[in-house]
């Protein structure tokens, strides 16, 4: 069963998966597709044609502009902004008001399990890898690898995180191996790429 708060604005052409909840004052535009068991918080905006997988959380007042694509289990923190205009202008060089036909939207792609912290801004076009974490208040201007922890303005990688979201620690016996303190899962780093040992990394998009 889908839940839509009375004050939410959900387009008739939007598609919502089973168990998805749209809370007060949120807006979901036409042709947006949200998977099962998603949560869209108070005042959040989901743009036209945005795609999100199952079990995504879009927290209060986040702005997810089209053509963003979110994998399964993506967390979008409060007041996050996913942009869609490389060269933003309200007017053309002659001073006339721009219309929807005067620019080409570009999106933010976010892999399965990734988290975007509160008030972070992802400047499209950019890809956030699977299970990566963007620290609160960061500005992402370049692609983020799977499992990377990035922070700052502009955001830079400051470490690695596992599926549990906790920062990984190096194995003293092998500096190329990283260990999750929460689960004990092990990861191997090679040329700036981190992969789970014994598992295939999932970075696919919806």
C-alpha atoms as a PDB file:
ATOM      1  CA  UNK A   1       0.000   0.000   0.000  1.00  0.00           C
ATOM      2  CA  UNK A   2       1.252   3.480  -0.946  1.00  0.00           C
ATOM      3  CA  UNK A   3       0.853   6.359   1.524  1.00  0.00           C
ATOM      4  CA  UNK A   4       0.562   9.963   0.309  1.00  0.00           C
ATOM      5  CA  UNK A   5       0.026  12.728   2.863  1.00  0.00           C
ATOM      6  CA  UNK A   6      -2.900  15.049   2.159  1.00  0.00           C
ATOM      7  CA  UNK A   7      -0.610  18.050   1.671  1.00  0.00           C
ATOM      8  CA  UNK A   8       1.785  16.249  -0.707  1.00  0.00           C
ATOM      9  CA  UNK A   9       1.657  16.941  -4.452  1.00  0.00           C
ATOM     10  CA  UNK A  10       2.131  13.747  -6.462  1.00  0.00           C
ATOM     11  CA  UNK A  11       1.579  13.832 -10.218  1.00  0.00           C
ATOM     12  CA  UNK A  12      -0.884  11.325 -11.639  1.00  0.00           C
ATOM     13  CA  UNK A  13       1.830  10.143 -14.048  1.00  0.00           C
ATOM     14  CA  UNK A  14       4.328   9.393 -11.262  1.00  0.00           C
ATOM     15  CA  UNK A  15       4.833   5.711 -10.419  1.00  0.00           C
ATOM     16  CA  UNK A  16       5.246   4.699  -6.786  1.00  0.00           C
ATOM     17  CA  UNK A  17       6.228   1.230  -5.638  1.00  0.00           C
ATOM     18  CA  UNK A  18       4.437  -0.797  -2.981  1.00  0.00           C
ATOM     19  CA  UNK A  19       4.981   0.518   0.535  1.00  0.00           C
ATOM     20  CA  UNK A  20       6.352   3.902  -0.550  1.00  0.00           C
ATOM     21  CA  UNK A  21       5.441   6.893   1.650  1.00  0.00           C
ATOM     22  CA  UNK A  22       5.261  10.533   0.525  1.00  0.00           C
ATOM     23  CA  UNK A  23       5.089  12.923   3.461  1.00  0.00           C
ATOM     24  CA  UNK A  24       3.712  16.421   4.027  1.00  0.00           C
ATOM     25  CA  UNK A  25       4.393  19.149   1.448  1.00  0.00           C
ATOM     26  CA  UNK A  26       6.596  16.890  -0.689  1.00  0.00           C
ATOM     27  CA  UNK A  27       6.283  17.105  -4.472  1.00  0.00           C
ATOM     28  CA  UNK A  28       6.779  14.218  -6.882  1.00  0.00           C
ATOM     29  CA  UNK A  29       6.639  15.298 -10.526  1.00  0.00           C
ATOM     30  CA  UNK A  30       5.232  13.527 -13.555  1.00  0.00           C
ATOM     31  CA  UNK A  31       6.968  10.383 -14.840  1.00  0.00           C
ATOM     32  CA  UNK A  32       9.080  10.041 -11.706  1.00  0.00           C
ATOM     33  CA  UNK A  33       9.543   6.368 -10.801  1.00  0.00           C
ATOM     34  CA  UNK A  34      10.129   5.331  -7.181  1.00  0.00           C
ATOM     35  CA  UNK A  35      10.611   1.710  -6.208  1.00  0.00           C
ATOM     36  CA  UNK A  36       9.130  -0.194  -3.287  1.00  0.00           C
ATOM     37  CA  UNK A  37       9.371   1.007   0.327  1.00  0.00           C
ATOM     38  CA  UNK A  38      10.804   4.438  -0.454  1.00  0.00           C
ATOM     39  CA  UNK A  39      10.351   7.407   1.890  1.00  0.00           C
ATOM     40  CA  UNK A  40      10.120  11.002   0.661  1.00  0.00           C
ATOM     41  CA  UNK A  41      10.274  13.416   3.590  1.00  0.00           C
ATOM     42  CA  UNK A  42       8.535  16.667   4.317  1.00  0.00           C
ATOM     43  CA  UNK A  43       9.032  19.351   1.675  1.00  0.00           C
ATOM     44  CA  UNK A  44      11.270  17.229  -0.547  1.00  0.00           C
ATOM     45  CA  UNK A  45      11.164  17.610  -4.329  1.00  0.00           C
ATOM     46  CA  UNK A  46      11.457  14.766  -6.850  1.00  0.00           C
ATOM     47  CA  UNK A  47      11.792  16.091 -10.399  1.00  0.00           C
ATOM     48  CA  UNK A  48      10.214  14.979 -13.646  1.00  0.00           C
ATOM     49  CA  UNK A  49      11.377  11.536 -14.720  1.00  0.00           C
ATOM     50  CA  UNK A  50      13.680  10.963 -11.727  1.00  0.00           C
ATOM     51  CA  UNK A  51      14.268   7.252 -11.130  1.00  0.00           C
ATOM     52  CA  UNK A  52      14.865   5.675  -7.729  1.00  0.00           C
ATOM     53  CA  UNK A  53      15.212   2.036  -6.775  1.00  0.00           C
ATOM     54  CA  UNK A  54      13.730   0.201  -3.808  1.00  0.00           C
ATOM     55  CA  UNK A  55      14.270   1.245  -0.175  1.00  0.00           C
ATOM     56  CA  UNK A  56      15.487   4.786  -0.866  1.00  0.00           C
ATOM     57  CA  UNK A  57      15.143   7.576   1.704  1.00  0.00           C
ATOM     58  CA  UNK A  58      14.907  11.200   0.574  1.00  0.00           C
ATOM     59  CA  UNK A  59      14.915  13.305   3.717  1.00  0.00           C
ATOM     60  CA  UNK A  60      13.182  16.610   4.467  1.00  0.00           C
ATOM     61  CA  UNK A  61      13.595  19.453   1.967  1.00  0.00           C
ATOM     62  CA  UNK A  62      16.020  17.585  -0.300  1.00  0.00           C
ATOM     63  CA  UNK A  63      15.879  18.658  -3.962  1.00  0.00           C
ATOM     64  CA  UNK A  64      16.355  15.844  -6.474  1.00  0.00           C
ATOM     65  CA  UNK A  65      16.276  17.416  -9.918  1.00  0.00           C
ATOM     66  CA  UNK A  66      15.811  15.468 -13.137  1.00  0.00           C
ATOM     67  CA  UNK A  67      17.352  13.442 -14.681  1.00  0.00           C
ATOM     68  CA  UNK A  68      18.831  12.064 -11.426  1.00  0.00           C
ATOM     69  CA  UNK A  69      18.981   8.282 -11.014  1.00  0.00           C
ATOM     70  CA  UNK A  70      19.202   6.594  -7.626  1.00  0.00           C
ATOM     71  CA  UNK A  71      20.024   2.924  -7.148  1.00  0.00           C
ATOM     72  CA  UNK A  72      18.538   0.707  -4.455  1.00  0.00           C
ATOM     73  CA  UNK A  73      18.894   1.721  -0.821  1.00  0.00           C
ATOM     74  CA  UNK A  74      20.167   5.258  -1.459  1.00  0.00           C
ATOM     75  CA  UNK A  75      20.055   7.785   1.392  1.00  0.00           C
ATOM     76  CA  UNK A  76      19.584  11.468   0.529  1.00  0.00           C
ATOM     77  CA  UNK A  77      20.011  13.608   3.644  1.00  0.00           C
ATOM     78  CA  UNK A  78      18.055  16.708   4.679  1.00  0.00           C
ATOM     79  CA  UNK A  79      18.381  19.708   2.346  1.00  0.00           C
ATOM     80  CA  UNK A  80      20.646  17.882  -0.128  1.00  0.00           C
ATOM     81  CA  UNK A  81      20.635  19.300  -3.668  1.00  0.00           C
ATOM     82  CA  UNK A  82      21.230  17.240  -6.812  1.00  0.00           C
ATOM     83  CA  UNK A  83      21.670  19.837  -9.566  1.00  0.00           C
ATOM     84  CA  UNK A  84      20.930  19.465 -13.273  1.00  0.00           C
ATOM     85  CA  UNK A  85      22.330  22.494 -15.121  1.00  0.00           C
ATOM     86  CA  UNK A  86      26.020  22.745 -16.065  1.00  0.00           C
ATOM     87  CA  UNK A  87      25.820  26.423 -17.051  1.00  0.00           C
ATOM     88  CA  UNK A  88      22.906  27.892 -15.065  1.00  0.00           C
ATOM     89  CA  UNK A  89      21.425  31.126 -16.368  1.00  0.00           C
ATOM     90  CA  UNK A  90      17.951  32.594 -16.022  1.00  0.00           C
ATOM     91  CA  UNK A  91      18.366  34.471 -19.318  1.00  0.00           C
ATOM     92  CA  UNK A  92      20.023  33.995 -22.704  1.00  0.00           C
ATOM     93  CA  UNK A  93      22.915  36.274 -23.793  1.00  0.00           C
ATOM     94  CA  UNK A  94      20.388  38.665 -25.362  1.00  0.00           C
ATOM     95  CA  UNK A  95      18.636  39.060 -22.005  1.00  0.00           C
ATOM     96  CA  UNK A  96      15.532  37.059 -22.930  1.00  0.00           C
ATOM     97  CA  UNK A  97      14.114  34.632 -20.388  1.00  0.00           C
ATOM     98  CA  UNK A  98      15.303  31.082 -20.967  1.00  0.00           C
ATOM     99  CA  UNK A  99      12.712  28.399 -21.628  1.00  0.00           C
ATOM    100  CA  UNK A 100      12.883  24.658 -21.047  1.00  0.00           C
ATOM    101  CA  UNK A 101      14.070  24.241 -24.655  1.00  0.00           C
ATOM    102  CA  UNK A 102      17.097  26.515 -24.152  1.00  0.00           C
ATOM    103  CA  UNK A 103      19.174  24.101 -22.072  1.00  0.00           C
ATOM    104  CA  UNK A 104      19.903  20.398 -21.712  1.00  0.00           C
ATOM    105  CA  UNK A 105      19.490  18.930 -18.220  1.00  0.00           C
ATOM    106  CA  UNK A 106      22.257  16.678 -16.905  1.00  0.00           C
ATOM    107  CA  UNK A 107      21.875  14.387 -13.943  1.00  0.00           C
ATOM    108  CA  UNK A 108      23.467  12.882 -10.861  1.00  0.00           C
ATOM    109  CA  UNK A 109      23.733   9.085 -10.845  1.00  0.00           C
ATOM    110  CA  UNK A 110      23.973   7.429  -7.416  1.00  0.00           C
ATOM    111  CA  UNK A 111      24.877   3.765  -6.966  1.00  0.00           C
ATOM    112  CA  UNK A 112      23.247   1.222  -4.671  1.00  0.00           C
ATOM    113  CA  UNK A 113      23.584   1.854  -0.946  1.00  0.00           C
ATOM    114  CA  UNK A 114      25.288   5.245  -1.225  1.00  0.00           C
ATOM    115  CA  UNK A 115      24.584   8.060   1.253  1.00  0.00           C
ATOM    116  CA  UNK A 116      24.586  11.825   0.668  1.00  0.00           C
ATOM    117  CA  UNK A 117      24.916  13.773   3.941  1.00  0.00           C
ATOM    118  CA  UNK A 118      22.808  16.724   5.012  1.00  0.00           C
ATOM    119  CA  UNK A 119      23.117  19.920   2.946  1.00  0.00           C
ATOM    120  CA  UNK A 120      25.591  18.388   0.526  1.00  0.00           C
ATOM    121  CA  UNK A 121      25.429  19.554  -3.099  1.00  0.00           C
ATOM    122  CA  UNK A 122      26.183  17.232  -6.011  1.00  0.00           C
ATOM    123  CA  UNK A 123      26.950  19.278  -9.123  1.00  0.00           C
ATOM    124  CA  UNK A 124      25.831  17.421 -12.244  1.00  0.00           C
ATOM    125  CA  UNK A 125      26.972  15.639 -14.281  1.00  0.00           C
ATOM    126  CA  UNK A 126      28.530  13.416 -11.617  1.00  0.00           C
ATOM    127  CA  UNK A 127      28.379   9.771 -10.523  1.00  0.00           C
ATOM    128  CA  UNK A 128      28.429   8.660  -6.881  1.00  0.00           C
ATOM    129  CA  UNK A 129      29.621   5.063  -6.581  1.00  0.00           C
ATOM    130  CA  UNK A 130      27.884   2.225  -4.779  1.00  0.00           C
ATOM    131  CA  UNK A 131      28.059   2.349  -0.961  1.00  0.00           C
ATOM    132  CA  UNK A 132      29.986   5.638  -1.034  1.00  0.00           C
ATOM    133  CA  UNK A 133      29.376   8.334   1.576  1.00  0.00           C
ATOM    134  CA  UNK A 134      29.361  12.077   0.923  1.00  0.00           C
ATOM    135  CA  UNK A 135      29.918  13.970   4.176  1.00  0.00           C
ATOM    136  CA  UNK A 136      27.440  16.624   5.274  1.00  0.00           C
ATOM    137  CA  UNK A 137      27.976  20.038   3.702  1.00  0.00           C
ATOM    138  CA  UNK A 138      30.247  18.774   0.926  1.00  0.00           C
ATOM    139  CA  UNK A 139      30.176  19.972  -2.684  1.00  0.00           C
ATOM    140  CA  UNK A 140      30.762  17.117  -5.107  1.00  0.00           C
ATOM    141  CA  UNK A 141      32.158  18.213  -8.477  1.00  0.00           C
ATOM    142  CA  UNK A 142      33.758  14.970  -9.707  1.00  0.00           C
ATOM    143  CA  UNK A 143      32.889  11.286  -9.734  1.00  0.00           C
ATOM    144  CA  UNK A 144      33.115   9.396  -6.429  1.00  0.00           C
ATOM    145  CA  UNK A 145      34.377   5.774  -6.435  1.00  0.00           C
ATOM    146  CA  UNK A 146      32.518   2.868  -4.864  1.00  0.00           C
ATOM    147  CA  UNK A 147      32.948   2.760  -1.056  1.00  0.00           C
ATOM    148  CA  UNK A 148      34.701   6.162  -0.977  1.00  0.00           C
ATOM    149  CA  UNK A 149      34.250   8.617   1.889  1.00  0.00           C
ATOM    150  CA  UNK A 150      34.464  12.156   0.511  1.00  0.00           C
ATOM    151  CA  UNK A 151      34.263  15.511   2.288  1.00  0.00           C
ATOM    152  CA  UNK A 152      34.969  19.184   1.734  1.00  0.00           C
ATOM    153  CA  UNK A 153      34.504  21.926  -0.839  1.00  0.00           C
ATOM    154  CA  UNK A 154      35.231  20.626  -3.376  1.00  0.00           C
ATOM    155  CA  UNK A 155      34.828  17.101  -2.016  1.00  0.00           C
ATOM    156  CA  UNK A 156      37.909  14.873  -1.879  1.00  0.00           C
ATOM    157  CA  UNK A 157      38.330  11.307  -0.758  1.00  0.00           C
ATOM    158  CA  UNK A 158      39.414  11.127   2.881  1.00  0.00           C
ATOM    159  CA  UNK A 159      38.932   7.410   3.445  1.00  0.00           C
ATOM    160  CA  UNK A 160      36.856   4.342   2.694  1.00  0.00           C
ATOM    161  CA  UNK A 161      33.560   3.070   4.122  1.00  0.00           C
ATOM    162  CA  UNK A 162      31.934  -0.348   4.055  1.00  0.00           C
ATOM    163  CA  UNK A 163      28.335  -1.393   3.572  1.00  0.00           C
ATOM    164  CA  UNK A 164      27.638  -0.582   7.243  1.00  0.00           C
ATOM    165  CA  UNK A 165      28.643   3.050   6.618  1.00  0.00           C
ATOM    166  CA  UNK A 166      31.509   3.027   9.109  1.00  0.00           C
ATOM    167  CA  UNK A 167      34.986   4.162   8.150  1.00  0.00           C
ATOM    168  CA  UNK A 168      37.268   1.240   7.304  1.00  0.00           C
ATOM    169  CA  UNK A 169      40.606   0.625   9.036  1.00  0.00           C
ATOM    170  CA  UNK A 170      43.752  -0.802   7.470  1.00  0.00           C
ATOM    171  CA  UNK A 171      44.856  -4.325   8.249  1.00  0.00           C
ATOM    172  CA  UNK A 172      48.277  -3.982   9.950  1.00  0.00           C
ATOM    173  CA  UNK A 173      49.419  -7.159   8.225  1.00  0.00           C
ATOM    174  CA  UNK A 174      48.496  -5.928   4.732  1.00  0.00           C
ATOM    175  CA  UNK A 175      48.135  -2.158   4.033  1.00  0.00           C
ATOM    176  CA  UNK A 176      46.144  -2.933   0.868  1.00  0.00           C
ATOM    177  CA  UNK A 177      43.393  -4.578   2.932  1.00  0.00           C
ATOM    178  CA  UNK A 178      40.737  -2.571   4.756  1.00  0.00           C
ATOM    179  CA  UNK A 179      38.413  -3.918   7.453  1.00  0.00           C
ATOM    180  CA  UNK A 180      34.967  -2.813   8.628  1.00  0.00           C
ATOM    181  CA  UNK A 181      34.971  -2.390  12.430  1.00  0.00           C
ATOM    182  CA  UNK A 182      31.220  -3.092  12.559  1.00  0.00           C
ATOM    183  CA  UNK A 183      30.922  -6.255  10.478  1.00  0.00           C
ATOM    184  CA  UNK A 184      34.462  -7.531  10.000  1.00  0.00           C
ATOM    185  CA  UNK A 185      33.989  -7.443   6.217  1.00  0.00           C
ATOM    186  CA  UNK A 186      37.257  -7.107   4.319  1.00  0.00           C
ATOM    187  CA  UNK A 187      38.068  -5.015   1.271  1.00  0.00           C
ATOM    188  CA  UNK A 188      41.096  -4.747  -0.975  1.00  0.00           C
ATOM    189  CA  UNK A 189      42.391  -1.502  -2.498  1.00  0.00           C
ATOM    190  CA  UNK A 190      44.091  -1.577  -5.876  1.00  0.00           C
ATOM    191  CA  UNK A 191      45.000   1.557  -7.864  1.00  0.00           C
ATOM    192  CA  UNK A 192      42.408   3.694  -6.082  1.00  0.00           C
ATOM    193  CA  UNK A 193      39.620   1.131  -6.443  1.00  0.00           C
ATOM    194  CA  UNK A 194      38.171  -0.719  -3.450  1.00  0.00           C
ATOM    195  CA  UNK A 195      36.467  -4.090  -3.804  1.00  0.00           C
ATOM    196  CA  UNK A 196      34.946  -6.451  -1.303  1.00  0.00           C
ATOM    197  CA  UNK A 197      37.030  -9.567  -0.803  1.00  0.00           C
ATOM    198  CA  UNK A 198      34.956 -12.528  -1.886  1.00  0.00           C
ATOM    199  CA  UNK A 199      32.132 -10.379  -3.275  1.00  0.00           C
ATOM    200  CA  UNK A 200      31.452  -8.626  -6.549  1.00  0.00           C
ATOM    201  CA  UNK A 201      31.134  -4.842  -6.196  1.00  0.00           C
ATOM    202  CA  UNK A 202      27.709  -3.563  -7.284  1.00  0.00           C
ATOM    203  CA  UNK A 203      27.701  -0.128  -8.902  1.00  0.00           C
ATOM    204  CA  UNK A 204      24.777  -0.535 -11.263  1.00  0.00           C
ATOM    205  CA  UNK A 205      22.091   2.084 -11.560  1.00  0.00           C
ATOM    206  CA  UNK A 206      18.362   1.817 -11.843  1.00  0.00           C
END
